[in-house]
Structures are given as structure tokens and as C-alpha cells.
Amino acid sequence: MVRLIPPLLPAFFALISMAASAQRSGLGLKAGLGAAHTRSGAMNGRYTSGATVGLYAPLLAAPRFELQPEVLLTALGSGYAGSEGERLMVRSVYVQVPLMAKVYVGSTLNLQGGLLAAKLINATQYTDKGEQDVTSGHRPDEIALLLGAGLDLPSGLDLTFRYHNGLTPVLANDNVLFPRNQALLMSVGYRMLAFKAPSTQRRRR
């Protein structure tokens, strides 16, 4: 856990600075669960459970438009069949920095899309025989496309459903499979701080 602190700190302070300097903005904490796997034209891994937790800073740029940078710690992964038919699973943990654009179609409902840059922290392979660190066999970074929808409630609760589509392969030195992360994630967030009155922030007609 200690080695997570250096990559998280710069993004954490940048997020607070952006939120504090923008009008009608806030800072929130979010967490969620989902399903993830890897997929390519040559392979299709089994879905396995995923999870995410982190900070987000919604910045109200216009009455129906928000930009939302985030800093997340996210667990993805995939199940596979081994060379002898055995079942195995790889669990990967990333520090992610998404930037989302949110367009509101009502006072609470929004459609959102954006890009994500991520740094791999750890990758572990699990089999019936035990576990093995396979971080060195994975790319150290990832770029992904994010699409989704959300409900931002006047109470400060934010509900989000998101599709994660990796644009870069997850394996290093791979010239055959080119698997990419795919995931469906649902999260619940709460805007802990508002740098302007929430009633003004929520006025969308």
C-alpha cells in the first residue's frame, strides 16, 4: 500500500486545486463495483469482479455541462483457460486519471464520455496452485475510452454507470493476442465539498 502513495499524491493535489479554483464546483468521494475482462480478436477472457474507489471534482462549465476530473484506484482483471485446461485469473490494479465531459438532459440525468490515463500498480495471476506476480509481463500504462450515464441528485449523491474500453493492449512484448481491458462499472459518489452554494450548482432548466 505504501508504494501507491507517490503516484497518487500529485494527482490528488491537482484535483483539489482545480476544484477550489473553479466557480460552482465541488469535491467528492466515490466507490463502486463491476465486472471486467480482457478481449481481442484472438481471445475473449471470462468476466471477473472489479472495483473502484477515489476522488472526483465536478466543475460546472455551463448550465448543462460539467467537466469532471477524477483520481481512482481500480481493480480490473480477467479469467482464462490455461494450456492444460485449468482455470486461472489475473487481477490488475491501476491508478486511473479520467477526464469526463457530462451533458445534462434534465436536472439530474446526464450522459458522459471521456478518456482515461492509467498506471499499472500490480498484476497477480491466481491458479489452483497459488498466486504469482506477473506485473513485469504487463504494460505499465493504459489509455481507455469511457462512456456512461449518471444521476446527480440534489442531496449530493452521484450515481454512475460506465463502460470502460481499453485502447491499448495490457500485455508487454505481445505480438499475437493484443488483449485490452473491458469493464462495466457502477459507482456511488457523494459531493463532500461545494465551493459555491449547492442550490446554484444544481440550477439546470
C-alpha atoms as a PDB file:
ATOM      1  CA  MET A   1       0.000   0.000   0.000  1.00  0.00           C
ATOM      2  CA  VAL A   2       2.880   2.402   0.703  1.00  0.00           C
ATOM      3  CA  ARG A   3       4.039   2.340  -2.925  1.00  0.00           C
ATOM      4  CA  LEU A   4       0.596   3.627  -4.017  1.00  0.00           C
ATOM      5  CA  ILE A   5       1.210   6.958  -2.270  1.00  0.00           C
ATOM      6  CA  PRO A   6       3.809   8.554  -4.660  1.00  0.00           C
ATOM      7  CA  PRO A   7       1.720   8.196  -7.872  1.00  0.00           C
ATOM      8  CA  LEU A   8      -1.469   9.289  -6.077  1.00  0.00           C
ATOM      9  CA  LEU A   9      -0.178  12.450  -4.381  1.00  0.00           C
ATOM     10  CA  PRO A  10       0.420  14.715  -7.444  1.00  0.00           C
ATOM     11  CA  ALA A  11      -2.949  13.842  -8.954  1.00  0.00           C
ATOM     12  CA  PHE A  12      -4.674  14.282  -5.567  1.00  0.00           C
ATOM     13  CA  PHE A  13      -3.362  17.820  -5.035  1.00  0.00           C
ATOM     14  CA  ALA A  14      -4.027  18.777  -8.666  1.00  0.00           C
ATOM     15  CA  LEU A  15      -7.630  17.644  -8.274  1.00  0.00           C
ATOM     16  CA  ILE A  16      -8.147  19.759  -5.142  1.00  0.00           C
ATOM     17  CA  SER A  17      -6.536  22.782  -6.825  1.00  0.00           C
ATOM     18  CA  MET A  18      -8.777  22.518  -9.890  1.00  0.00           C
ATOM     19  CA  ALA A  19     -11.923  22.175  -7.797  1.00  0.00           C
ATOM     20  CA  ALA A  20     -11.054  25.010  -5.431  1.00  0.00           C
ATOM     21  CA  SER A  21     -10.225  27.479  -8.212  1.00  0.00           C
ATOM     22  CA  ALA A  22     -13.333  26.836 -10.341  1.00  0.00           C
ATOM     23  CA  GLN A  23     -16.672  28.502  -9.703  1.00  0.00           C
ATOM     24  CA  ARG A  24     -19.684  26.324  -8.820  1.00  0.00           C
ATOM     25  CA  SER A  25     -17.551  23.222  -8.338  1.00  0.00           C
ATOM     26  CA  GLY A  26     -17.178  20.514  -5.744  1.00  0.00           C
ATOM     27  CA  LEU A  27     -15.078  17.637  -4.499  1.00  0.00           C
ATOM     28  CA  GLY A  28     -16.458  14.167  -3.864  1.00  0.00           C
ATOM     29  CA  LEU A  29     -15.598  10.632  -2.847  1.00  0.00           C
ATOM     30  CA  LYS A  30     -16.826   7.682  -4.928  1.00  0.00           C
ATOM     31  CA  ALA A  31     -16.706   3.878  -4.829  1.00  0.00           C
ATOM     32  CA  GLY A  32     -18.190   1.152  -6.977  1.00  0.00           C
ATOM     33  CA  LEU A  33     -18.257  -2.431  -8.188  1.00  0.00           C
ATOM     34  CA  GLY A  34     -18.418  -4.022 -11.607  1.00  0.00           C
ATOM     35  CA  ALA A  35     -17.361  -6.767 -13.985  1.00  0.00           C
ATOM     36  CA  ALA A  36     -14.165  -6.797 -16.053  1.00  0.00           C
ATOM     37  CA  HIS A  37     -12.386  -8.958 -18.588  1.00  0.00           C
ATOM     38  CA  THR A  38      -9.860  -8.711 -21.428  1.00  0.00           C
ATOM     39  CA  ARG A  39     -10.786  -9.167 -25.065  1.00  0.00           C
ATOM     40  CA  SER A  40      -9.261  -9.107 -28.533  1.00  0.00           C
ATOM     41  CA  GLY A  41      -9.833 -10.685 -31.927  1.00  0.00           C
ATOM     42  CA  ALA A  42      -7.728 -13.665 -30.837  1.00  0.00           C
ATOM     43  CA  MET A  43      -9.139 -14.235 -27.341  1.00  0.00           C
ATOM     44  CA  ASN A  44     -12.038 -13.499 -25.026  1.00  0.00           C
ATOM     45  CA  GLY A  45     -11.453 -13.767 -21.286  1.00  0.00           C
ATOM     46  CA  ARG A  46     -14.112 -14.560 -18.704  1.00  0.00           C
ATOM     47  CA  TYR A  47     -15.654 -11.759 -16.692  1.00  0.00           C
ATOM     48  CA  THR A  48     -14.442 -11.341 -13.140  1.00  0.00           C
ATOM     49  CA  SER A  49     -15.348  -8.892 -10.406  1.00  0.00           C
ATOM     50  CA  GLY A  50     -13.935  -5.364 -10.414  1.00  0.00           C
ATOM     51  CA  ALA A  51     -13.946  -2.424  -8.023  1.00  0.00           C
ATOM     52  CA  THR A  52     -13.043   1.250  -7.926  1.00  0.00           C
ATOM     53  CA  VAL A  53     -12.599   3.978  -5.287  1.00  0.00           C
ATOM     54  CA  GLY A  54     -11.325   7.530  -5.421  1.00  0.00           C
ATOM     55  CA  LEU A  55     -11.953  11.271  -5.673  1.00  0.00           C
ATOM     56  CA  TYR A  56     -13.776  13.333  -8.284  1.00  0.00           C
ATOM     57  CA  ALA A  57     -14.155  17.072  -8.867  1.00  0.00           C
ATOM     58  CA  PRO A  58     -17.229  18.130 -10.874  1.00  0.00           C
ATOM     59  CA  LEU A  59     -16.589  21.545 -12.450  1.00  0.00           C
ATOM     60  CA  LEU A  60     -19.722  23.280 -13.718  1.00  0.00           C
ATOM     61  CA  ALA A  61     -18.702  24.902 -17.008  1.00  0.00           C
ATOM     62  CA  ALA A  62     -22.221  25.787 -18.239  1.00  0.00           C
ATOM     63  CA  PRO A  63     -25.806  25.262 -17.060  1.00  0.00           C
ATOM     64  CA  ARG A  64     -25.981  21.828 -18.753  1.00  0.00           C
ATOM     65  CA  PHE A  65     -22.309  20.908 -18.983  1.00  0.00           C
ATOM     66  CA  GLU A  66     -19.702  19.717 -16.476  1.00  0.00           C
ATOM     67  CA  LEU A  67     -16.088  18.650 -16.750  1.00  0.00           C
ATOM     68  CA  GLN A  68     -15.151  16.063 -14.150  1.00  0.00           C
ATOM     69  CA  PRO A  69     -11.513  15.042 -13.493  1.00  0.00           C
ATOM     70  CA  GLU A  70     -11.064  12.042 -11.205  1.00  0.00           C
ATOM     71  CA  VAL A  71      -8.316  10.114  -9.413  1.00  0.00           C
ATOM     72  CA  LEU A  72      -9.206   6.452  -8.897  1.00  0.00           C
ATOM     73  CA  LEU A  73      -7.698   3.232  -7.621  1.00  0.00           C
ATOM     74  CA  THR A  74      -9.318   0.475  -9.709  1.00  0.00           C
ATOM     75  CA  ALA A  75      -9.082  -3.314  -9.772  1.00  0.00           C
ATOM     76  CA  LEU A  76      -9.687  -4.956 -13.156  1.00  0.00           C
ATOM     77  CA  GLY A  77      -8.891  -8.446 -14.388  1.00  0.00           C
ATOM     78  CA  SER A  78      -9.977 -11.435 -16.408  1.00  0.00           C
ATOM     79  CA  GLY A  79     -10.389 -15.187 -16.232  1.00  0.00           C
ATOM     80  CA  TYR A  80      -8.614 -17.544 -18.642  1.00  0.00           C
ATOM     81  CA  ALA A  81      -8.176 -21.189 -19.504  1.00  0.00           C
ATOM     82  CA  GLY A  82      -4.577 -22.402 -19.122  1.00  0.00           C
ATOM     83  CA  SER A  83      -2.609 -24.502 -21.610  1.00  0.00           C
ATOM     84  CA  GLU A  84      -3.767 -27.684 -19.846  1.00  0.00           C
ATOM     85  CA  GLY A  85      -7.379 -26.573 -19.478  1.00  0.00           C
ATOM     86  CA  GLU A  86      -7.003 -25.303 -15.906  1.00  0.00           C
ATOM     87  CA  ARG A  87      -8.815 -22.148 -14.855  1.00  0.00           C
ATOM     88  CA  LEU A  88      -6.771 -19.118 -13.904  1.00  0.00           C
ATOM     89  CA  MET A  89      -7.424 -15.451 -13.199  1.00  0.00           C
ATOM     90  CA  VAL A  90      -5.324 -12.310 -13.487  1.00  0.00           C
ATOM     91  CA  ARG A  91      -6.121  -9.362 -11.222  1.00  0.00           C
ATOM     92  CA  SER A  92      -4.646  -5.968 -12.179  1.00  0.00           C
ATOM     93  CA  VAL A  93      -4.684  -2.800 -10.064  1.00  0.00           C
ATOM     94  CA  TYR A  94      -4.360   0.645 -11.657  1.00  0.00           C
ATOM     95  CA  VAL A  95      -4.154   4.262 -10.575  1.00  0.00           C
ATOM     96  CA  GLN A  96      -6.503   5.937 -13.075  1.00  0.00           C
ATOM     97  CA  VAL A  97      -6.974   9.584 -14.012  1.00  0.00           C
ATOM     98  CA  PRO A  98     -10.168  10.003 -16.087  1.00  0.00           C
ATOM     99  CA  LEU A  99     -11.452  13.277 -17.520  1.00  0.00           C
ATOM    100  CA  MET A 100     -15.186  13.142 -18.188  1.00  0.00           C
ATOM    101  CA  ALA A 101     -17.471  15.526 -20.085  1.00  0.00           C
ATOM    102  CA  LYS A 102     -21.055  15.417 -18.769  1.00  0.00           C
ATOM    103  CA  VAL A 103     -24.050  16.760 -20.696  1.00  0.00           C
ATOM    104  CA  TYR A 104     -27.293  17.091 -18.726  1.00  0.00           C
ATOM    105  CA  VAL A 105     -30.586  16.151 -20.371  1.00  0.00           C
ATOM    106  CA  GLY A 106     -32.578  17.145 -17.277  1.00  0.00           C
ATOM    107  CA  SER A 107     -31.980  18.470 -13.795  1.00  0.00           C
ATOM    108  CA  THR A 108     -30.230  15.250 -12.669  1.00  0.00           C
ATOM    109  CA  LEU A 109     -29.756  12.843 -15.619  1.00  0.00           C
ATOM    110  CA  ASN A 110     -26.536  13.185 -17.594  1.00  0.00           C
ATOM    111  CA  LEU A 111     -24.766  11.441 -20.452  1.00  0.00           C
ATOM    112  CA  GLN A 112     -20.994  11.305 -20.178  1.00  0.00           C
ATOM    113  CA  GLY A 113     -17.898  10.378 -22.091  1.00  0.00           C
ATOM    114  CA  GLY A 114     -14.175  10.839 -21.741  1.00  0.00           C
ATOM    115  CA  LEU A 115     -10.675   9.436 -21.781  1.00  0.00           C
ATOM    116  CA  LEU A 116      -8.654   7.765 -19.055  1.00  0.00           C
ATOM    117  CA  ALA A 117      -4.904   7.503 -18.486  1.00  0.00           C
ATOM    118  CA  ALA A 118      -3.760   4.824 -16.036  1.00  0.00           C
ATOM    119  CA  LYS A 119      -0.617   3.472 -14.417  1.00  0.00           C
ATOM    120  CA  LEU A 120      -0.386  -0.207 -13.534  1.00  0.00           C
ATOM    121  CA  ILE A 121       0.486  -0.799  -9.884  1.00  0.00           C
ATOM    122  CA  ASN A 122       0.314  -4.577  -9.696  1.00  0.00           C
ATOM    123  CA  ALA A 123      -0.825  -7.633 -11.661  1.00  0.00           C
ATOM    124  CA  THR A 124      -1.259 -11.025  -9.959  1.00  0.00           C
ATOM    125  CA  GLN A 125      -2.124 -14.374 -11.506  1.00  0.00           C
ATOM    126  CA  TYR A 126      -4.206 -16.806  -9.435  1.00  0.00           C
ATOM    127  CA  THR A 127      -4.388 -20.566 -10.088  1.00  0.00           C
ATOM    128  CA  ASP A 128      -5.262 -23.671  -8.082  1.00  0.00           C
ATOM    129  CA  LYS A 129      -1.559 -23.909  -7.231  1.00  0.00           C
ATOM    130  CA  GLY A 130      -1.341 -20.425  -5.743  1.00  0.00           C
ATOM    131  CA  GLU A 131      -0.590 -16.904  -6.906  1.00  0.00           C
ATOM    132  CA  GLN A 132       2.214 -15.308  -8.901  1.00  0.00           C
ATOM    133  CA  ASP A 133       3.230 -11.702  -9.537  1.00  0.00           C
ATOM    134  CA  VAL A 134       3.002 -11.068 -13.301  1.00  0.00           C
ATOM    135  CA  THR A 135       3.398  -7.281 -13.269  1.00  0.00           C
ATOM    136  CA  SER A 136       6.522  -7.418 -15.434  1.00  0.00           C
ATOM    137  CA  GLY A 137       4.546  -9.143 -18.207  1.00  0.00           C
ATOM    138  CA  HIS A 138       2.035  -6.294 -18.431  1.00  0.00           C
ATOM    139  CA  ARG A 139       2.246  -2.829 -19.959  1.00  0.00           C
ATOM    140  CA  PRO A 140       2.891  -0.183 -17.276  1.00  0.00           C
ATOM    141  CA  ASP A 141       0.189   2.157 -18.592  1.00  0.00           C
ATOM    142  CA  GLU A 142      -3.205   2.204 -20.263  1.00  0.00           C
ATOM    143  CA  ILE A 143      -5.376   4.576 -22.267  1.00  0.00           C
ATOM    144  CA  ALA A 144      -9.116   3.895 -22.306  1.00  0.00           C
ATOM    145  CA  LEU A 145     -12.363   5.321 -23.631  1.00  0.00           C
ATOM    146  CA  LEU A 146     -15.174   5.800 -21.098  1.00  0.00           C
ATOM    147  CA  LEU A 147     -18.896   6.095 -21.896  1.00  0.00           C
ATOM    148  CA  GLY A 148     -21.791   6.187 -19.483  1.00  0.00           C
ATOM    149  CA  ALA A 149     -24.709   7.875 -17.802  1.00  0.00           C
ATOM    150  CA  GLY A 150     -25.358   9.235 -14.358  1.00  0.00           C
ATOM    151  CA  LEU A 151     -27.812  10.720 -11.903  1.00  0.00           C
ATOM    152  CA  ASP A 152     -26.545  13.691  -9.874  1.00  0.00           C
ATOM    153  CA  LEU A 153     -29.037  14.190  -7.054  1.00  0.00           C
ATOM    154  CA  PRO A 154     -29.674  17.454  -5.145  1.00  0.00           C
ATOM    155  CA  SER A 155     -28.697  15.634  -1.920  1.00  0.00           C
ATOM    156  CA  GLY A 156     -25.104  15.419  -3.183  1.00  0.00           C
ATOM    157  CA  LEU A 157     -25.274  11.746  -4.182  1.00  0.00           C
ATOM    158  CA  ASP A 158     -23.987  10.898  -7.677  1.00  0.00           C
ATOM    159  CA  LEU A 159     -24.895   7.545  -9.266  1.00  0.00           C
ATOM    160  CA  THR A 160     -22.868   6.486 -12.308  1.00  0.00           C
ATOM    161  CA  PHE A 161     -22.904   3.599 -14.776  1.00  0.00           C
ATOM    162  CA  ARG A 162     -19.832   3.399 -17.007  1.00  0.00           C
ATOM    163  CA  TYR A 163     -18.378   1.304 -19.834  1.00  0.00           C
ATOM    164  CA  HIS A 164     -14.567   1.078 -19.911  1.00  0.00           C
ATOM    165  CA  ASN A 165     -12.999   0.192 -23.281  1.00  0.00           C
ATOM    166  CA  GLY A 166      -9.213  -0.115 -23.278  1.00  0.00           C
ATOM    167  CA  LEU A 167      -7.438   1.372 -26.297  1.00  0.00           C
ATOM    168  CA  THR A 168      -4.022  -0.107 -25.520  1.00  0.00           C
ATOM    169  CA  PRO A 169      -3.123  -3.811 -25.046  1.00  0.00           C
ATOM    170  CA  VAL A 170      -2.462  -4.934 -21.475  1.00  0.00           C
ATOM    171  CA  LEU A 171       0.406  -7.343 -22.203  1.00  0.00           C
ATOM    172  CA  ALA A 172       4.023  -6.342 -22.754  1.00  0.00           C
ATOM    173  CA  ASN A 173       6.081  -7.826 -25.615  1.00  0.00           C
ATOM    174  CA  ASP A 174       2.964  -9.423 -27.124  1.00  0.00           C
ATOM    175  CA  ASN A 175       2.745  -9.794 -30.911  1.00  0.00           C
ATOM    176  CA  VAL A 176      -0.130 -12.285 -31.068  1.00  0.00           C
ATOM    177  CA  LEU A 177      -3.037 -11.718 -28.665  1.00  0.00           C
ATOM    178  CA  PHE A 178      -3.275  -7.935 -28.014  1.00  0.00           C
ATOM    179  CA  PRO A 179      -5.897  -8.218 -25.222  1.00  0.00           C
ATOM    180  CA  ARG A 180      -7.472  -4.994 -23.961  1.00  0.00           C
ATOM    181  CA  ASN A 181      -9.364  -4.266 -20.763  1.00  0.00           C
ATOM    182  CA  GLN A 182     -13.138  -4.023 -20.907  1.00  0.00           C
ATOM    183  CA  ALA A 183     -15.333  -3.353 -17.885  1.00  0.00           C
ATOM    184  CA  LEU A 184     -18.797  -2.326 -16.736  1.00  0.00           C
ATOM    185  CA  LEU A 185     -18.717  -0.324 -13.512  1.00  0.00           C
ATOM    186  CA  MET A 186     -21.418   1.135 -11.273  1.00  0.00           C
ATOM    187  CA  SER A 187     -20.422   3.656  -8.614  1.00  0.00           C
ATOM    188  CA  VAL A 188     -21.933   5.831  -5.909  1.00  0.00           C
ATOM    189  CA  GLY A 189     -20.370   9.180  -5.095  1.00  0.00           C
ATOM    190  CA  TYR A 190     -21.004  11.943  -2.612  1.00  0.00           C
ATOM    191  CA  ARG A 191     -20.009  15.572  -3.097  1.00  0.00           C
ATOM    192  CA  MET A 192     -18.419  16.287   0.269  1.00  0.00           C
ATOM    193  CA  LEU A 193     -17.370  19.867  -0.522  1.00  0.00           C
ATOM    194  CA  ALA A 194     -19.120  22.501  -2.612  1.00  0.00           C
ATOM    195  CA  PHE A 195     -17.225  25.693  -3.385  1.00  0.00           C
ATOM    196  CA  LYS A 196     -20.434  27.520  -4.128  1.00  0.00           C
ATOM    197  CA  ALA A 197     -23.959  27.087  -2.848  1.00  0.00           C
ATOM    198  CA  PRO A 198     -25.398  23.710  -3.939  1.00  0.00           C
ATOM    199  CA  SER A 199     -28.685  25.385  -4.949  1.00  0.00           C
ATOM    200  CA  THR A 200     -26.807  27.466  -7.532  1.00  0.00           C
ATOM    201  CA  GLN A 201     -24.795  24.480  -8.711  1.00  0.00           C
ATOM    202  CA  ARG A 202     -27.922  22.456  -9.383  1.00  0.00           C
ATOM    203  CA  ARG A 203     -29.997  25.065 -11.214  1.00  0.00           C
ATOM    204  CA  ARG A 204     -30.467  23.457 -14.645  1.00  0.00           C
ATOM    205  CA  ARG A 205     -33.573  24.128 -16.766  1.00  0.00           C
END
